[in-house]
């Protein structure tokens, strides 16, 4: 089994190295988004272009922070589940098959 901490340290684990499958619904939506952003960027001028690009940048920042928050919350939930699995022995019933030495 690999040492995950060592692999993470050396950059061998990259959970971000993922992409959309060709022909998938999300890939099509990304294409629509990119094409429309390029179209609007080309067509708009002056203050309208500046406002649109500001909107796109703010939206990207909010999306990035939202993804980070979801990752952190999910990671912490997973860690709590592991902790509860290996540390907590509280159950509603007594285990009759428990070793007497415990």
Protein backbone atom coordinates (compact mmCIF):
# COMPACT_ATOMS: atom_id res chain seq x y z
CA UNK A 1 0.00 0.00 0.00
CA UNK A 2 1.31 3.43 -0.89
CA UNK A 3 2.15 5.97 1.78
CA UNK A 4 -0.56 8.52 0.95
CA UNK A 5 1.04 11.35 2.93
CA UNK A 6 4.34 10.86 1.09
CA UNK A 7 2.58 10.65 -2.27
CA UNK A 8 0.63 13.83 -1.50
CA UNK A 9 3.83 15.62 -0.41
CA UNK A 10 5.60 14.76 -3.66
CA UNK A 11 2.62 15.88 -5.73
CA UNK A 12 1.76 12.40 -6.97
CA UNK A 13 -1.84 12.74 -5.84
CA UNK A 14 -3.84 15.33 -7.73
CA UNK A 15 -7.59 15.07 -7.18
CA UNK A 16 -8.04 18.03 -9.55
CA UNK A 17 -6.62 16.09 -12.51
CA UNK A 18 -10.02 15.25 -13.91
CA UNK A 19 -12.01 16.24 -16.92
CA UNK A 20 -15.39 15.86 -18.52
CA UNK A 21 -16.13 12.81 -20.63
CA UNK A 22 -16.52 13.55 -24.34
CA UNK A 23 -20.16 13.79 -25.31
CA UNK A 24 -21.34 14.16 -21.72
CA UNK A 25 -24.04 16.62 -20.73
CA UNK A 26 -21.59 18.70 -18.68
CA UNK A 27 -19.07 18.81 -21.53
CA UNK A 28 -21.81 20.20 -23.79
CA UNK A 29 -22.74 22.81 -21.19
CA UNK A 30 -19.11 23.88 -20.80
CA UNK A 31 -18.89 24.28 -24.58
CA UNK A 32 -22.05 26.42 -24.62
CA UNK A 33 -20.72 28.53 -21.74
CA UNK A 34 -17.32 29.04 -23.38
CA UNK A 35 -18.77 29.85 -26.80
CA UNK A 36 -21.23 32.38 -25.38
CA UNK A 37 -18.57 34.01 -23.20
CA UNK A 38 -16.32 34.38 -26.26
CA UNK A 39 -19.22 35.75 -28.35
CA UNK A 40 -20.20 38.31 -25.72
CA UNK A 41 -16.59 39.31 -25.10
CA UNK A 42 -16.14 39.93 -28.83
CA UNK A 43 -19.45 41.78 -29.30
CA UNK A 44 -19.45 43.99 -26.21
CA UNK A 45 -17.41 47.16 -25.98
CA UNK A 46 -16.57 49.79 -23.41
CA UNK A 47 -18.40 49.73 -20.09
CA UNK A 48 -20.62 46.80 -21.13
CA UNK A 49 -17.57 44.63 -21.86
CA UNK A 50 -15.92 45.70 -18.63
CA UNK A 51 -19.10 44.91 -16.65
CA UNK A 52 -19.47 41.52 -18.33
CA UNK A 53 -15.85 40.53 -17.65
CA UNK A 54 -16.22 41.71 -14.05
CA UNK A 55 -19.34 39.53 -13.77
CA UNK A 56 -17.50 36.50 -15.19
CA UNK A 57 -14.53 36.99 -12.85
CA UNK A 58 -16.75 37.44 -9.78
CA UNK A 59 -18.74 34.35 -10.75
CA UNK A 60 -15.53 32.32 -11.09
CA UNK A 61 -14.34 33.47 -7.66
CA UNK A 62 -17.66 32.57 -6.03
CA UNK A 63 -17.68 29.17 -7.74
CA UNK A 64 -14.11 28.47 -6.64
CA UNK A 65 -14.84 29.39 -3.03
CA UNK A 66 -18.00 27.28 -3.10
CA UNK A 67 -16.04 24.29 -4.41
CA UNK A 68 -13.40 24.79 -1.70
CA UNK A 69 -16.09 24.96 0.99
CA UNK A 70 -17.75 21.77 -0.28
CA UNK A 71 -14.40 19.98 -0.37
CA UNK A 72 -13.52 21.04 3.16
CA UNK A 73 -16.93 20.14 4.59
CA UNK A 74 -16.88 16.75 2.84
CA UNK A 75 -13.31 16.03 3.91
CA UNK A 76 -14.12 16.85 7.52
CA UNK A 77 -17.25 14.69 7.43
CA UNK A 78 -15.19 11.80 6.09
CA UNK A 79 -12.59 12.30 8.81
CA UNK A 80 -15.31 12.34 11.49
CA UNK A 81 -16.77 9.13 10.07
CA UNK A 82 -13.36 7.45 10.22
CA UNK A 83 -12.76 8.74 13.74
CA UNK A 84 -16.15 7.49 14.88
CA UNK A 85 -15.53 4.12 13.23
CA UNK A 86 -12.20 3.48 14.93
CA UNK A 87 -12.55 5.34 18.25
CA UNK A 88 -16.17 5.26 19.33
CA UNK A 89 -17.57 1.97 20.63
CA UNK A 90 -20.91 3.35 21.83
CA UNK A 91 -23.81 1.17 20.72
CA UNK A 92 -27.32 0.69 22.04
CA UNK A 93 -26.72 -2.99 22.88
CA UNK A 94 -24.03 -4.85 24.80
CA UNK A 95 -21.75 -7.19 22.84
CA UNK A 96 -22.04 -10.65 24.43
CA UNK A 97 -19.21 -12.00 22.28
CA UNK A 98 -16.66 -9.52 23.65
CA UNK A 99 -13.44 -10.94 25.07
CA UNK A 100 -13.46 -11.11 28.87
CA UNK A 101 -10.06 -9.36 29.04
CA UNK A 102 -11.47 -6.06 27.87
